Amino acid sequence: MRRPPGSPPPRTGEGLGVGALLSVIVVGYNRRDLLERCVESVMADRGDLLTELIVVDNASHDGTAAMVAEQFPEVRLIANDRNVGYGQGLNQGIQAASGEYLLVLNQDIVLKPGALAEMVGFAAQHPEAG
């Protein structure tokens, strides 16, 4: 989805993906195994696309936040101290995003190669979509 007209400008600085074209946001809860595969697939698919990945962890008890911090230091991690729910977690990720385009993924998604570039290309060619 493209940022809606009139929405606040993307935030920059503080490791938020300065200059990102695409912000990918994943909200996770207690499925470290699924989230790890999801993050791996996003990281592998970004290629030269200026992409930031934001993971919002809703106070998982299975070490999800620690896994993201240790294995994927380039990911922007928002580690909540309580489960704020999917909607609020998603809003936290969107507020932290700096990309022109936003992609929301569930933690059980594994991207096919080329998916990010294809999505951004389609969105750029069809600004009415989204």
N, C-alpha and C. Protein backbone atom coordinates (compact mmCIF):
# COMPACT_ATOMS: atom_id res chain seq x y z
N MET A 1 0.84 -1.16 0.00
CA MET A 1 0.00 0.00 0.00
C MET A 1 0.89 1.22 0.00
N ARG A 2 0.47 2.24 -0.69
CA ARG A 2 1.20 3.50 -0.72
C ARG A 2 0.68 4.36 0.43
N ARG A 3 1.55 5.19 0.98
CA ARG A 3 1.11 6.08 2.05
C ARG A 3 -0.04 6.93 1.55
N PRO A 4 -1.08 7.08 2.35
CA PRO A 4 -2.22 7.89 1.93
C PRO A 4 -1.84 9.36 1.76
N PRO A 5 -2.48 10.05 0.80
CA PRO A 5 -2.23 11.48 0.67
C PRO A 5 -2.55 12.19 1.98
N GLY A 6 -1.73 13.16 2.32
CA GLY A 6 -1.95 13.91 3.55
C GLY A 6 -1.42 13.24 4.80
N SER A 7 -0.87 12.01 4.67
CA SER A 7 -0.31 11.36 5.86
C SER A 7 1.00 12.02 6.21
N PRO A 8 1.42 11.91 7.46
CA PRO A 8 2.67 12.56 7.85
C PRO A 8 3.83 12.06 7.01
N PRO A 9 4.82 12.89 6.79
CA PRO A 9 5.97 12.46 6.00
C PRO A 9 6.70 11.33 6.71
N PRO A 10 7.39 10.48 5.94
CA PRO A 10 8.14 9.40 6.56
C PRO A 10 9.16 9.95 7.55
N ARG A 11 9.31 9.27 8.66
CA ARG A 11 10.31 9.63 9.65
C ARG A 11 11.65 9.09 9.20
N THR A 12 12.71 9.81 9.52
CA THR A 12 14.04 9.34 9.18
C THR A 12 14.91 9.40 10.42
N GLY A 13 16.07 8.77 10.32
CA GLY A 13 17.02 8.78 11.43
C GLY A 13 16.79 7.64 12.39
N GLU A 14 17.67 7.52 13.34
CA GLU A 14 17.58 6.52 14.40
C GLU A 14 17.44 5.10 13.87
N GLY A 15 18.07 4.81 12.73
CA GLY A 15 18.04 3.45 12.19
C GLY A 15 16.70 3.02 11.65
N LEU A 16 15.85 3.97 11.29
CA LEU A 16 14.52 3.62 10.83
C LEU A 16 14.46 3.33 9.33
N GLY A 17 15.58 3.15 8.67
CA GLY A 17 15.53 2.84 7.25
C GLY A 17 15.54 4.09 6.41
N VAL A 18 16.46 5.00 6.69
CA VAL A 18 16.54 6.25 5.97
C VAL A 18 16.59 5.98 4.48
N GLY A 19 15.69 6.58 3.75
CA GLY A 19 15.67 6.42 2.31
C GLY A 19 15.01 5.15 1.82
N ALA A 20 14.34 4.41 2.68
CA ALA A 20 13.70 3.16 2.27
C ALA A 20 12.57 3.46 1.30
N LEU A 21 12.49 2.66 0.25
CA LEU A 21 11.37 2.73 -0.68
C LEU A 21 10.21 1.89 -0.14
N LEU A 22 10.55 0.76 0.48
CA LEU A 22 9.55 -0.18 0.97
C LEU A 22 9.78 -0.48 2.44
N SER A 23 8.72 -0.35 3.21
CA SER A 23 8.75 -0.77 4.62
C SER A 23 7.91 -2.03 4.75
N VAL A 24 8.51 -3.10 5.25
CA VAL A 24 7.81 -4.35 5.49
C VAL A 24 7.58 -4.46 6.99
N ILE A 25 6.33 -4.69 7.38
CA ILE A 25 5.96 -4.72 8.80
C ILE A 25 5.38 -6.08 9.13
N VAL A 26 5.93 -6.71 10.17
CA VAL A 26 5.45 -8.01 10.63
C VAL A 26 5.18 -7.91 12.13
N VAL A 27 3.97 -8.29 12.53
CA VAL A 27 3.62 -8.37 13.95
C VAL A 27 3.70 -9.84 14.35
N GLY A 28 4.45 -10.11 15.41
CA GLY A 28 4.62 -11.50 15.84
C GLY A 28 4.21 -11.74 17.27
N TYR A 29 3.84 -12.99 17.53
CA TYR A 29 3.52 -13.39 18.89
C TYR A 29 3.72 -14.90 19.04
N ASN A 30 4.70 -15.27 19.86
CA ASN A 30 4.93 -16.66 20.28
C ASN A 30 5.04 -17.67 19.14
N ARG A 31 5.56 -17.29 18.02
CA ARG A 31 5.85 -18.24 16.94
C ARG A 31 7.21 -17.90 16.35
N ARG A 32 8.21 -18.05 17.19
CA ARG A 32 9.58 -17.76 16.80
C ARG A 32 9.98 -18.47 15.52
N ASP A 33 9.57 -19.73 15.38
CA ASP A 33 9.94 -20.52 14.21
C ASP A 33 9.37 -19.92 12.94
N LEU A 34 8.10 -19.53 12.97
CA LEU A 34 7.47 -18.94 11.79
C LEU A 34 8.06 -17.57 11.48
N LEU A 35 8.24 -16.76 12.50
CA LEU A 35 8.77 -15.42 12.30
C LEU A 35 10.19 -15.46 11.74
N GLU A 36 10.99 -16.40 12.19
CA GLU A 36 12.36 -16.53 11.69
C GLU A 36 12.36 -16.81 10.18
N ARG A 37 11.51 -17.73 9.74
CA ARG A 37 11.42 -18.04 8.30
C ARG A 37 10.90 -16.84 7.52
N CYS A 38 9.94 -16.12 8.07
CA CYS A 38 9.40 -14.94 7.40
C CYS A 38 10.49 -13.89 7.22
N VAL A 39 11.21 -13.57 8.29
CA VAL A 39 12.27 -12.56 8.22
C VAL A 39 13.36 -13.00 7.25
N GLU A 40 13.76 -14.25 7.32
CA GLU A 40 14.77 -14.76 6.38
C GLU A 40 14.33 -14.56 4.94
N SER A 41 13.06 -14.82 4.64
CA SER A 41 12.59 -14.70 3.26
C SER A 41 12.57 -13.24 2.81
N VAL A 42 12.21 -12.32 3.70
CA VAL A 42 12.23 -10.90 3.34
C VAL A 42 13.66 -10.45 3.10
N MET A 43 14.56 -10.80 4.00
CA MET A 43 15.95 -10.38 3.86
C MET A 43 16.57 -10.94 2.58
N ALA A 44 16.23 -12.16 2.23
CA ALA A 44 16.78 -12.78 1.03
C ALA A 44 16.21 -12.17 -0.23
N ASP A 45 15.00 -11.65 -0.18
CA ASP A 45 14.33 -11.17 -1.39
C ASP A 45 14.54 -9.69 -1.68
N ARG A 46 15.07 -8.94 -0.75
CA ARG A 46 15.12 -7.50 -0.97
C ARG A 46 16.12 -7.08 -2.04
N GLY A 47 17.18 -7.85 -2.27
CA GLY A 47 18.14 -7.52 -3.32
C GLY A 47 18.63 -6.08 -3.20
N ASP A 48 18.53 -5.33 -4.31
CA ASP A 48 18.97 -3.92 -4.32
C ASP A 48 17.85 -2.96 -3.94
N LEU A 49 16.67 -3.50 -3.67
CA LEU A 49 15.52 -2.67 -3.30
C LEU A 49 15.76 -2.06 -1.92
N LEU A 50 15.63 -0.75 -1.81
CA LEU A 50 15.82 -0.08 -0.53
C LEU A 50 14.65 -0.43 0.38
N THR A 51 14.91 -1.38 1.26
CA THR A 51 13.86 -1.98 2.09
C THR A 51 14.24 -1.92 3.54
N GLU A 52 13.26 -1.61 4.37
CA GLU A 52 13.44 -1.75 5.81
C GLU A 52 12.44 -2.79 6.29
N LEU A 53 12.83 -3.53 7.29
CA LEU A 53 11.96 -4.54 7.88
C LEU A 53 11.75 -4.17 9.34
N ILE A 54 10.48 -4.06 9.71
CA ILE A 54 10.10 -3.71 11.08
C ILE A 54 9.33 -4.89 11.66
N VAL A 55 9.82 -5.42 12.77
CA VAL A 55 9.14 -6.51 13.46
C VAL A 55 8.63 -5.97 14.79
N VAL A 56 7.34 -6.15 15.02
CA VAL A 56 6.73 -5.78 16.29
C VAL A 56 6.42 -7.08 17.03
N ASP A 57 7.07 -7.27 18.18
CA ASP A 57 6.83 -8.47 18.98
C ASP A 57 5.91 -8.11 20.13
N ASN A 58 4.82 -8.85 20.24
CA ASN A 58 3.81 -8.59 21.26
C ASN A 58 4.06 -9.39 22.54
N ALA A 59 5.24 -9.17 23.14
CA ALA A 59 5.59 -9.78 24.43
C ALA A 59 5.57 -11.31 24.37
N SER A 60 6.17 -11.86 23.33
CA SER A 60 6.26 -13.32 23.21
C SER A 60 7.03 -13.91 24.37
N HIS A 61 6.68 -15.15 24.72
CA HIS A 61 7.35 -15.86 25.82
C HIS A 61 8.31 -16.92 25.31
N ASP A 62 8.53 -16.98 23.99
CA ASP A 62 9.35 -18.04 23.41
C ASP A 62 10.69 -17.55 22.88
N GLY A 63 11.10 -16.34 23.26
CA GLY A 63 12.39 -15.83 22.83
C GLY A 63 12.38 -15.19 21.45
N THR A 64 11.21 -14.86 20.94
CA THR A 64 11.11 -14.27 19.61
C THR A 64 11.90 -12.97 19.50
N ALA A 65 11.70 -12.05 20.42
CA ALA A 65 12.38 -10.76 20.34
C ALA A 65 13.89 -10.93 20.42
N ALA A 66 14.37 -11.79 21.30
CA ALA A 66 15.81 -12.03 21.40
C ALA A 66 16.36 -12.63 20.12
N MET A 67 15.62 -13.55 19.49
CA MET A 67 16.05 -14.15 18.23
C MET A 67 16.20 -13.09 17.15
N VAL A 68 15.21 -12.20 17.05
CA VAL A 68 15.28 -11.14 16.03
C VAL A 68 16.48 -10.24 16.30
N ALA A 69 16.65 -9.82 17.54
CA ALA A 69 17.76 -8.93 17.89
C ALA A 69 19.12 -9.57 17.62
N GLU A 70 19.25 -10.86 17.91
CA GLU A 70 20.53 -11.54 17.76
C GLU A 70 20.82 -11.94 16.31
N GLN A 71 19.84 -12.49 15.63
CA GLN A 71 20.07 -13.03 14.29
C GLN A 71 19.90 -11.99 13.18
N PHE A 72 19.14 -10.94 13.44
CA PHE A 72 18.83 -9.96 12.41
C PHE A 72 19.00 -8.55 12.95
N PRO A 73 20.25 -8.14 13.24
CA PRO A 73 20.47 -6.83 13.85
C PRO A 73 20.04 -5.66 12.96
N GLU A 74 19.91 -5.89 11.65
CA GLU A 74 19.50 -4.82 10.75
C GLU A 74 17.99 -4.60 10.75
N VAL A 75 17.26 -5.47 11.41
CA VAL A 75 15.80 -5.33 11.51
C VAL A 75 15.47 -4.35 12.62
N ARG A 76 14.51 -3.50 12.37
CA ARG A 76 14.01 -2.58 13.41
C ARG A 76 13.03 -3.38 14.26
N LEU A 77 13.38 -3.60 15.52
CA LEU A 77 12.58 -4.40 16.43
C LEU A 77 11.87 -3.50 17.41
N ILE A 78 10.56 -3.67 17.49
CA ILE A 78 9.76 -3.01 18.52
C ILE A 78 9.29 -4.14 19.43
N ALA A 79 9.86 -4.21 20.62
CA ALA A 79 9.55 -5.29 21.56
C ALA A 79 8.62 -4.75 22.64
N ASN A 80 7.36 -5.08 22.52
CA ASN A 80 6.39 -4.63 23.52
C ASN A 80 6.54 -5.42 24.81
N ASP A 81 6.29 -4.75 25.94
CA ASP A 81 6.38 -5.44 27.23
C ASP A 81 5.06 -6.11 27.62
N ARG A 82 4.04 -5.92 26.79
CA ARG A 82 2.77 -6.63 26.97
C ARG A 82 2.16 -6.82 25.58
N ASN A 83 1.24 -7.75 25.49
CA ASN A 83 0.57 -8.02 24.23
C ASN A 83 -0.48 -6.93 24.00
N VAL A 84 -0.20 -6.05 23.04
CA VAL A 84 -1.11 -4.94 22.76
C VAL A 84 -2.11 -5.29 21.67
N GLY A 85 -2.03 -6.50 21.14
CA GLY A 85 -2.94 -6.93 20.09
C GLY A 85 -2.38 -6.65 18.71
N TYR A 86 -2.95 -7.34 17.74
CA TYR A 86 -2.45 -7.22 16.37
C TYR A 86 -2.62 -5.80 15.82
N GLY A 87 -3.79 -5.23 15.99
CA GLY A 87 -4.06 -3.91 15.42
C GLY A 87 -3.15 -2.83 15.95
N GLN A 88 -2.98 -2.77 17.26
CA GLN A 88 -2.10 -1.76 17.83
C GLN A 88 -0.65 -2.03 17.47
N GLY A 89 -0.26 -3.30 17.44
CA GLY A 89 1.10 -3.63 17.02
C GLY A 89 1.36 -3.19 15.59
N LEU A 90 0.39 -3.41 14.74
CA LEU A 90 0.53 -2.99 13.35
C LEU A 90 0.63 -1.47 13.26
N ASN A 91 -0.18 -0.77 14.01
CA ASN A 91 -0.09 0.70 14.03
C ASN A 91 1.28 1.17 14.51
N GLN A 92 1.87 0.49 15.48
CA GLN A 92 3.22 0.84 15.93
C GLN A 92 4.21 0.69 14.78
N GLY A 93 4.10 -0.39 14.05
CA GLY A 93 5.00 -0.61 12.93
C GLY A 93 4.83 0.42 11.83
N ILE A 94 3.60 0.75 11.53
CA ILE A 94 3.33 1.76 10.49
C ILE A 94 3.88 3.12 10.91
N GLN A 95 3.72 3.48 12.17
CA GLN A 95 4.24 4.75 12.66
C GLN A 95 5.76 4.81 12.58
N ALA A 96 6.42 3.68 12.75
CA ALA A 96 7.88 3.65 12.70
C ALA A 96 8.41 3.58 11.27
N ALA A 97 7.56 3.28 10.32
CA ALA A 97 7.99 3.05 8.93
C ALA A 97 8.41 4.34 8.24
N SER A 98 9.41 4.22 7.38
CA SER A 98 9.88 5.38 6.62
C SER A 98 9.69 5.21 5.12
N GLY A 99 9.25 4.05 4.67
CA GLY A 99 9.14 3.79 3.23
C GLY A 99 7.98 4.48 2.57
N GLU A 100 8.12 4.67 1.26
CA GLU A 100 7.02 5.20 0.46
C GLU A 100 5.89 4.19 0.36
N TYR A 101 6.27 2.91 0.26
CA TYR A 101 5.30 1.83 0.19
C TYR A 101 5.37 1.02 1.48
N LEU A 102 4.21 0.52 1.91
CA LEU A 102 4.12 -0.30 3.11
C LEU A 102 3.59 -1.67 2.73
N LEU A 103 4.22 -2.70 3.28
CA LEU A 103 3.77 -4.08 3.08
C LEU A 103 3.61 -4.71 4.45
N VAL A 104 2.42 -5.21 4.72
CA VAL A 104 2.13 -5.89 5.98
C VAL A 104 2.14 -7.39 5.72
N LEU A 105 2.94 -8.12 6.48
CA LEU A 105 2.99 -9.57 6.36
C LEU A 105 2.61 -10.20 7.69
N ASN A 106 1.89 -11.29 7.64
CA ASN A 106 1.69 -12.11 8.83
C ASN A 106 2.95 -12.92 9.06
N GLN A 107 3.19 -13.32 10.28
CA GLN A 107 4.43 -14.00 10.62
C GLN A 107 4.58 -15.37 9.98
N ASP A 108 3.52 -15.92 9.41
CA ASP A 108 3.61 -17.24 8.78
C ASP A 108 3.83 -17.16 7.27
N ILE A 109 4.15 -15.99 6.75
CA ILE A 109 4.36 -15.81 5.31
C ILE A 109 5.83 -16.01 4.98
N VAL A 110 6.09 -16.75 3.91
CA VAL A 110 7.43 -16.88 3.34
C VAL A 110 7.33 -16.38 1.91
N LEU A 111 8.12 -15.36 1.58
CA LEU A 111 8.05 -14.76 0.25
C LEU A 111 8.68 -15.65 -0.80
N LYS A 112 8.11 -15.62 -1.98
CA LYS A 112 8.73 -16.25 -3.14
C LYS A 112 9.76 -15.27 -3.70
N PRO A 113 10.84 -15.79 -4.27
CA PRO A 113 11.86 -14.90 -4.83
C PRO A 113 11.26 -13.93 -5.86
N GLY A 114 11.63 -12.66 -5.73
CA GLY A 114 11.16 -11.64 -6.65
C GLY A 114 9.87 -10.96 -6.25
N ALA A 115 9.26 -11.41 -5.16
CA ALA A 115 7.95 -10.89 -4.76
C ALA A 115 8.00 -9.40 -4.42
N LEU A 116 9.02 -8.96 -3.70
CA LEU A 116 9.08 -7.55 -3.29
C LEU A 116 9.24 -6.63 -4.49
N ALA A 117 10.17 -6.95 -5.37
CA ALA A 117 10.39 -6.11 -6.55
C ALA A 117 9.15 -6.09 -7.44
N GLU A 118 8.49 -7.22 -7.58
CA GLU A 118 7.29 -7.27 -8.39
C GLU A 118 6.18 -6.41 -7.78
N MET A 119 6.02 -6.48 -6.48
CA MET A 119 4.99 -5.69 -5.82
C MET A 119 5.25 -4.20 -5.96
N VAL A 120 6.48 -3.78 -5.71
CA VAL A 120 6.81 -2.37 -5.81
C VAL A 120 6.67 -1.89 -7.26
N GLY A 121 7.10 -2.71 -8.22
CA GLY A 121 6.96 -2.36 -9.63
C GLY A 121 5.49 -2.18 -10.01
N PHE A 122 4.64 -3.09 -9.56
CA PHE A 122 3.22 -2.99 -9.85
C PHE A 122 2.63 -1.73 -9.21
N ALA A 123 2.98 -1.48 -7.95
CA ALA A 123 2.44 -0.31 -7.25
C ALA A 123 2.87 0.99 -7.93
N ALA A 124 4.11 1.04 -8.40
CA ALA A 124 4.61 2.24 -9.08
C ALA A 124 3.88 2.46 -10.40
N GLN A 125 3.56 1.39 -11.11
CA GLN A 125 2.88 1.50 -12.39
C GLN A 125 1.38 1.72 -12.26
N HIS A 126 0.84 1.40 -11.10
CA HIS A 126 -0.61 1.51 -10.87
C HIS A 126 -0.87 2.27 -9.57
N PRO A 127 -0.62 3.58 -9.56
CA PRO A 127 -0.79 4.33 -8.31
C PRO A 127 -2.22 4.32 -7.78
N GLU A 128 -3.18 3.96 -8.61
CA GLU A 128 -4.57 3.89 -8.15
C GLU A 128 -4.82 2.64 -7.31
N ALA A 129 -3.92 1.67 -7.36
CA ALA A 129 -4.07 0.43 -6.59
C ALA A 129 -3.62 0.64 -5.16
N GLY A 130 -4.17 -0.11 -4.24
CA GLY A 130 -3.67 -0.09 -2.89
C GLY A 130 -4.55 0.59 -1.95
